[in-house]
């Protein structure tokens, strides 16, 4: 160990022309004046205020994003259930197509009551059928399955018939309507 210290210091070249006192002399920095210190502190304060405002804005944005997500969850959270119920409602409609409207038997009455109750519950929750026949074709809510030539009753670009109903939950599509559209190109 002893020789190691000596050899490591001996390998450093020593400049003999350099004045040993001048190398150890460093000009001490003057301490900042009170005005300079105040300026520096004011700059730090301004930066800290800017950083604080930025962080407050980030927090506010995060809170509003959480509120939006929560609101959408409450508003559209039942879309999966509504989509499944809509399928059952369509089956009830098919059953009603085979039931005489004037029939007073308990099965026919029960199907009509069940359909009416489910439809009023869906409407109360914001689920409604898409109105299609006679309206202008809307590709966001409808899917054109076929096209036919236009007529006086159904001008070009309008829905002539509905093959399957479409459903909306408030302003979102639950199920697109499958329709026949009039077109000059057909």
C-alpha atoms as a PDB file:
ATOM      1  CA  UNK A   1       0.000   0.000   0.000  1.00  0.00           C
ATOM      2  CA  UNK A   2       2.784   2.341   0.921  1.00  0.00           C
ATOM      3  CA  UNK A   3       4.477   2.259  -2.462  1.00  0.00           C
ATOM      4  CA  UNK A   4       1.185   2.629  -4.288  1.00  0.00           C
ATOM      5  CA  UNK A   5       0.564   6.069  -2.859  1.00  0.00           C
ATOM      6  CA  UNK A   6       3.981   7.188  -3.818  1.00  0.00           C
ATOM      7  CA  UNK A   7       3.808   5.834  -7.354  1.00  0.00           C
ATOM      8  CA  UNK A   8       0.408   7.344  -8.102  1.00  0.00           C
ATOM      9  CA  UNK A   9       1.583  10.785  -7.068  1.00  0.00           C
ATOM     10  CA  UNK A  10       4.843  10.471  -8.837  1.00  0.00           C
ATOM     11  CA  UNK A  11       3.249   9.755 -12.173  1.00  0.00           C
ATOM     12  CA  UNK A  12       1.569  13.167 -12.187  1.00  0.00           C
ATOM     13  CA  UNK A  13       3.748  15.633 -14.054  1.00  0.00           C
ATOM     14  CA  UNK A  14       4.668  18.750 -12.138  1.00  0.00           C
ATOM     15  CA  UNK A  15       5.038  21.956 -14.042  1.00  0.00           C
ATOM     16  CA  UNK A  16       8.102  23.556 -12.643  1.00  0.00           C
ATOM     17  CA  UNK A  17       7.476  26.928 -14.246  1.00  0.00           C
ATOM     18  CA  UNK A  18       4.144  27.330 -12.528  1.00  0.00           C
ATOM     19  CA  UNK A  19       4.182  29.356  -9.378  1.00  0.00           C
ATOM     20  CA  UNK A  20       2.782  27.170  -6.617  1.00  0.00           C
ATOM     21  CA  UNK A  21       1.193  30.140  -4.848  1.00  0.00           C
ATOM     22  CA  UNK A  22      -0.611  31.378  -7.969  1.00  0.00           C
ATOM     23  CA  UNK A  23      -2.293  28.005  -8.586  1.00  0.00           C
ATOM     24  CA  UNK A  24      -3.648  27.778  -5.096  1.00  0.00           C
ATOM     25  CA  UNK A  25      -4.877  31.336  -5.230  1.00  0.00           C
ATOM     26  CA  UNK A  26      -8.440  31.566  -6.483  1.00  0.00           C
ATOM     27  CA  UNK A  27     -10.317  34.737  -6.729  1.00  0.00           C
ATOM     28  CA  UNK A  28     -13.092  34.464  -4.223  1.00  0.00           C
ATOM     29  CA  UNK A  29     -16.502  35.315  -5.622  1.00  0.00           C
ATOM     30  CA  UNK A  30     -18.130  38.234  -4.032  1.00  0.00           C
ATOM     31  CA  UNK A  31     -21.332  37.389  -2.224  1.00  0.00           C
ATOM     32  CA  UNK A  32     -24.423  38.626  -4.064  1.00  0.00           C
ATOM     33  CA  UNK A  33     -25.711  41.996  -3.114  1.00  0.00           C
ATOM     34  CA  UNK A  34     -29.088  42.135  -1.386  1.00  0.00           C
ATOM     35  CA  UNK A  35     -30.641  43.426  -4.629  1.00  0.00           C
ATOM     36  CA  UNK A  36     -29.198  40.488  -6.594  1.00  0.00           C
ATOM     37  CA  UNK A  37     -30.414  38.069  -3.951  1.00  0.00           C
ATOM     38  CA  UNK A  38     -33.904  39.603  -4.055  1.00  0.00           C
ATOM     39  CA  UNK A  39     -33.939  39.360  -7.868  1.00  0.00           C
ATOM     40  CA  UNK A  40     -32.913  35.703  -7.733  1.00  0.00           C
ATOM     41  CA  UNK A  41     -35.540  34.923  -5.115  1.00  0.00           C
ATOM     42  CA  UNK A  42     -38.244  36.745  -7.092  1.00  0.00           C
ATOM     43  CA  UNK A  43     -37.303  34.724 -10.188  1.00  0.00           C
ATOM     44  CA  UNK A  44     -37.533  31.502  -8.164  1.00  0.00           C
ATOM     45  CA  UNK A  45     -40.895  32.604  -6.764  1.00  0.00           C
ATOM     46  CA  UNK A  46     -42.230  33.394 -10.239  1.00  0.00           C
ATOM     47  CA  UNK A  47     -41.098  29.968 -11.478  1.00  0.00           C
ATOM     48  CA  UNK A  48     -42.695  28.265  -8.470  1.00  0.00           C
ATOM     49  CA  UNK A  49     -45.981  30.137  -9.054  1.00  0.00           C
ATOM     50  CA  UNK A  50     -45.926  29.150 -12.726  1.00  0.00           C
ATOM     51  CA  UNK A  51     -45.289  25.516 -11.778  1.00  0.00           C
ATOM     52  CA  UNK A  52     -48.085  25.627  -9.196  1.00  0.00           C
ATOM     53  CA  UNK A  53     -50.576  27.006 -11.745  1.00  0.00           C
ATOM     54  CA  UNK A  54     -49.564  24.319 -14.224  1.00  0.00           C
ATOM     55  CA  UNK A  55     -50.073  21.580 -11.647  1.00  0.00           C
ATOM     56  CA  UNK A  56     -53.431  23.033 -10.591  1.00  0.00           C
ATOM     57  CA  UNK A  57     -54.527  23.006 -14.237  1.00  0.00           C
ATOM     58  CA  UNK A  58     -53.416  19.359 -14.555  1.00  0.00           C
ATOM     59  CA  UNK A  59     -55.418  18.430 -11.461  1.00  0.00           C
ATOM     60  CA  UNK A  60     -58.475  20.279 -12.747  1.00  0.00           C
ATOM     61  CA  UNK A  61     -58.214  18.502 -16.110  1.00  0.00           C
ATOM     62  CA  UNK A  62     -57.906  15.133 -14.389  1.00  0.00           C
ATOM     63  CA  UNK A  63     -60.938  15.862 -12.204  1.00  0.00           C
ATOM     64  CA  UNK A  64     -63.060  16.916 -15.160  1.00  0.00           C
ATOM     65  CA  UNK A  65     -61.982  13.779 -17.084  1.00  0.00           C
ATOM     66  CA  UNK A  66     -63.026  11.610 -14.133  1.00  0.00           C
ATOM     67  CA  UNK A  67     -66.368  13.436 -13.921  1.00  0.00           C
ATOM     68  CA  UNK A  68     -66.938  12.955 -17.659  1.00  0.00           C
ATOM     69  CA  UNK A  69     -66.081   9.258 -17.479  1.00  0.00           C
ATOM     70  CA  UNK A  70     -68.330   8.805 -14.478  1.00  0.00           C
ATOM     71  CA  UNK A  71     -71.186  10.657 -16.174  1.00  0.00           C
ATOM     72  CA  UNK A  72     -70.867   8.506 -19.294  1.00  0.00           C
ATOM     73  CA  UNK A  73     -70.774   5.397 -17.130  1.00  0.00           C
ATOM     74  CA  UNK A  74     -74.017   6.395 -15.453  1.00  0.00           C
ATOM     75  CA  UNK A  75     -75.588   7.490 -18.720  1.00  0.00           C
ATOM     76  CA  UNK A  76     -74.521   4.588 -20.931  1.00  0.00           C
ATOM     77  CA  UNK A  77     -73.585   1.880 -18.436  1.00  0.00           C
ATOM     78  CA  UNK A  78     -76.711  -0.134 -19.149  1.00  0.00           C
ATOM     79  CA  UNK A  79     -76.100  -0.302 -22.906  1.00  0.00           C
ATOM     80  CA  UNK A  80     -75.113  -3.986 -22.790  1.00  0.00           C
ATOM     81  CA  UNK A  81     -78.244  -4.925 -20.881  1.00  0.00           C
ATOM     82  CA  UNK A  82     -80.414  -2.718 -23.094  1.00  0.00           C
ATOM     83  CA  UNK A  83     -78.947  -4.369 -26.216  1.00  0.00           C
ATOM     84  CA  UNK A  84     -79.923  -7.809 -24.882  1.00  0.00           C
ATOM     85  CA  UNK A  85     -83.407  -6.662 -23.846  1.00  0.00           C
ATOM     86  CA  UNK A  86     -83.964  -5.147 -27.291  1.00  0.00           C
ATOM     87  CA  UNK A  87     -83.427  -8.621 -28.777  1.00  0.00           C
ATOM     88  CA  UNK A  88     -86.110 -10.008 -26.478  1.00  0.00           C
ATOM     89  CA  UNK A  89     -88.467  -7.153 -27.399  1.00  0.00           C
ATOM     90  CA  UNK A  90     -88.019  -7.965 -31.077  1.00  0.00           C
ATOM     91  CA  UNK A  91     -88.962 -11.574 -30.336  1.00  0.00           C
ATOM     92  CA  UNK A  92     -92.080 -10.341 -28.510  1.00  0.00           C
ATOM     93  CA  UNK A  93     -92.946  -8.233 -31.562  1.00  0.00           C
ATOM     94  CA  UNK A  94     -92.623 -11.322 -33.764  1.00  0.00           C
ATOM     95  CA  UNK A  95     -94.954 -13.170 -31.377  1.00  0.00           C
ATOM     96  CA  UNK A  96     -97.425 -10.270 -31.501  1.00  0.00           C
ATOM     97  CA  UNK A  97     -97.406 -10.453 -35.314  1.00  0.00           C
ATOM     98  CA  UNK A  98     -98.924 -13.949 -34.966  1.00  0.00           C
ATOM     99  CA  UNK A  99    -101.499 -12.978 -32.355  1.00  0.00           C
ATOM    100  CA  UNK A 100    -104.890 -11.640 -33.324  1.00  0.00           C
ATOM    101  CA  UNK A 101    -105.160  -8.066 -31.991  1.00  0.00           C
ATOM    102  CA  UNK A 102    -108.728  -8.677 -30.890  1.00  0.00           C
ATOM    103  CA  UNK A 103    -107.958 -11.961 -29.174  1.00  0.00           C
ATOM    104  CA  UNK A 104    -108.961 -11.962 -25.513  1.00  0.00           C
ATOM    105  CA  UNK A 105    -107.278 -15.183 -24.448  1.00  0.00           C
ATOM    106  CA  UNK A 106    -104.842 -14.962 -21.557  1.00  0.00           C
ATOM    107  CA  UNK A 107    -101.742 -15.760 -23.644  1.00  0.00           C
ATOM    108  CA  UNK A 108    -102.400 -12.965 -26.168  1.00  0.00           C
ATOM    109  CA  UNK A 109    -103.274 -10.494 -23.422  1.00  0.00           C
ATOM    110  CA  UNK A 110    -100.190 -11.488 -21.443  1.00  0.00           C
ATOM    111  CA  UNK A 111     -97.858 -10.995 -24.441  1.00  0.00           C
ATOM    112  CA  UNK A 112     -99.364  -7.544 -25.182  1.00  0.00           C
ATOM    113  CA  UNK A 113     -99.052  -6.502 -21.503  1.00  0.00           C
ATOM    114  CA  UNK A 114     -95.471  -7.748 -21.265  1.00  0.00           C
ATOM    115  CA  UNK A 115     -94.517  -5.948 -24.475  1.00  0.00           C
ATOM    116  CA  UNK A 116     -96.153  -2.726 -23.298  1.00  0.00           C
ATOM    117  CA  UNK A 117     -94.441  -2.865 -19.892  1.00  0.00           C
ATOM    118  CA  UNK A 118     -90.999  -3.536 -21.344  1.00  0.00           C
ATOM    119  CA  UNK A 119     -91.377  -0.775 -23.953  1.00  0.00           C
ATOM    120  CA  UNK A 120     -92.423   1.795 -21.337  1.00  0.00           C
ATOM    121  CA  UNK A 121     -89.447   0.779 -19.144  1.00  0.00           C
ATOM    122  CA  UNK A 122     -87.033   1.072 -22.080  1.00  0.00           C
ATOM    123  CA  UNK A 123     -88.445   4.465 -23.053  1.00  0.00           C
ATOM    124  CA  UNK A 124     -88.049   5.683 -19.465  1.00  0.00           C
ATOM    125  CA  UNK A 125     -84.350   4.721 -19.653  1.00  0.00           C
ATOM    126  CA  UNK A 126     -83.850   6.500 -22.990  1.00  0.00           C
ATOM    127  CA  UNK A 127     -84.028   3.465 -25.298  1.00  0.00           C
ATOM    128  CA  UNK A 128     -86.050   4.083 -28.446  1.00  0.00           C
ATOM    129  CA  UNK A 129     -86.525   2.635 -31.912  1.00  0.00           C
ATOM    130  CA  UNK A 130     -84.908   4.378 -34.852  1.00  0.00           C
ATOM    131  CA  UNK A 131     -87.570   5.813 -37.162  1.00  0.00           C
ATOM    132  CA  UNK A 132     -86.655   4.637 -40.649  1.00  0.00           C
ATOM    133  CA  UNK A 133     -89.394   4.189 -43.263  1.00  0.00           C
ATOM    134  CA  UNK A 134     -89.893   7.358 -45.297  1.00  0.00           C
ATOM    135  CA  UNK A 135     -86.910   9.106 -43.718  1.00  0.00           C
ATOM    136  CA  UNK A 136     -83.645  10.002 -45.386  1.00  0.00           C
ATOM    137  CA  UNK A 137     -81.064   7.203 -45.140  1.00  0.00           C
ATOM    138  CA  UNK A 138     -78.667   7.819 -42.210  1.00  0.00           C
ATOM    139  CA  UNK A 139     -75.571   5.591 -42.434  1.00  0.00           C
ATOM    140  CA  UNK A 140     -74.767   6.221 -38.757  1.00  0.00           C
ATOM    141  CA  UNK A 141     -78.045   4.606 -37.700  1.00  0.00           C
ATOM    142  CA  UNK A 142     -78.935   2.379 -40.625  1.00  0.00           C
ATOM    143  CA  UNK A 143     -77.406  -0.324 -42.790  1.00  0.00           C
ATOM    144  CA  UNK A 144     -78.596  -0.568 -46.391  1.00  0.00           C
ATOM    145  CA  UNK A 145     -79.239  -4.223 -47.183  1.00  0.00           C
ATOM    146  CA  UNK A 146     -80.712  -3.596 -50.632  1.00  0.00           C
ATOM    147  CA  UNK A 147     -81.613  -0.768 -52.987  1.00  0.00           C
ATOM    148  CA  UNK A 148     -84.678  -0.280 -55.150  1.00  0.00           C
ATOM    149  CA  UNK A 149     -85.584   2.375 -57.718  1.00  0.00           C
ATOM    150  CA  UNK A 150     -87.155   5.564 -56.284  1.00  0.00           C
ATOM    151  CA  UNK A 151     -90.893   6.190 -56.451  1.00  0.00           C
ATOM    152  CA  UNK A 152     -93.227   9.099 -55.790  1.00  0.00           C
ATOM    153  CA  UNK A 153     -93.719   7.867 -52.243  1.00  0.00           C
ATOM    154  CA  UNK A 154     -89.992   7.277 -51.590  1.00  0.00           C
ATOM    155  CA  UNK A 155     -87.608   9.630 -53.416  1.00  0.00           C
ATOM    156  CA  UNK A 156     -83.977   8.671 -53.978  1.00  0.00           C
ATOM    157  CA  UNK A 157     -81.933   8.281 -50.802  1.00  0.00           C
ATOM    158  CA  UNK A 158     -84.949   7.513 -48.591  1.00  0.00           C
ATOM    159  CA  UNK A 159     -85.783   4.320 -46.707  1.00  0.00           C
ATOM    160  CA  UNK A 160     -88.510   2.314 -48.446  1.00  0.00           C
ATOM    161  CA  UNK A 161     -88.794  -0.531 -45.936  1.00  0.00           C
ATOM    162  CA  UNK A 162     -87.308  -1.832 -42.726  1.00  0.00           C
ATOM    163  CA  UNK A 163     -86.032  -5.401 -42.487  1.00  0.00           C
ATOM    164  CA  UNK A 164     -84.859  -5.152 -38.857  1.00  0.00           C
ATOM    165  CA  UNK A 165     -85.478  -2.249 -36.478  1.00  0.00           C
ATOM    166  CA  UNK A 166     -82.664  -0.112 -35.125  1.00  0.00           C
ATOM    167  CA  UNK A 167     -82.391   1.056 -31.527  1.00  0.00           C
ATOM    168  CA  UNK A 168     -80.827   4.052 -29.789  1.00  0.00           C
ATOM    169  CA  UNK A 169     -79.836   4.642 -26.174  1.00  0.00           C
ATOM    170  CA  UNK A 170     -80.158   8.401 -25.906  1.00  0.00           C
ATOM    171  CA  UNK A 171     -77.755   9.608 -28.604  1.00  0.00           C
ATOM    172  CA  UNK A 172     -75.855   6.332 -29.104  1.00  0.00           C
ATOM    173  CA  UNK A 173     -76.706   3.527 -31.470  1.00  0.00           C
ATOM    174  CA  UNK A 174     -77.480   0.232 -29.741  1.00  0.00           C
ATOM    175  CA  UNK A 175     -78.347  -1.602 -32.927  1.00  0.00           C
ATOM    176  CA  UNK A 176     -78.349  -0.365 -36.515  1.00  0.00           C
ATOM    177  CA  UNK A 177     -81.546  -0.686 -38.515  1.00  0.00           C
ATOM    178  CA  UNK A 178     -81.327  -2.914 -41.585  1.00  0.00           C
ATOM    179  CA  UNK A 179     -83.228  -1.213 -44.368  1.00  0.00           C
ATOM    180  CA  UNK A 180     -84.023  -1.094 -48.072  1.00  0.00           C
ATOM    181  CA  UNK A 181     -83.066   2.244 -49.602  1.00  0.00           C
ATOM    182  CA  UNK A 182     -84.191   3.890 -52.812  1.00  0.00           C
ATOM    183  CA  UNK A 183     -81.433   4.809 -55.222  1.00  0.00           C
ATOM    184  CA  UNK A 184     -81.152   6.010 -58.817  1.00  0.00           C
ATOM    185  CA  UNK A 185     -78.274   3.566 -59.269  1.00  0.00           C
ATOM    186  CA  UNK A 186     -80.342   0.444 -58.583  1.00  0.00           C
END
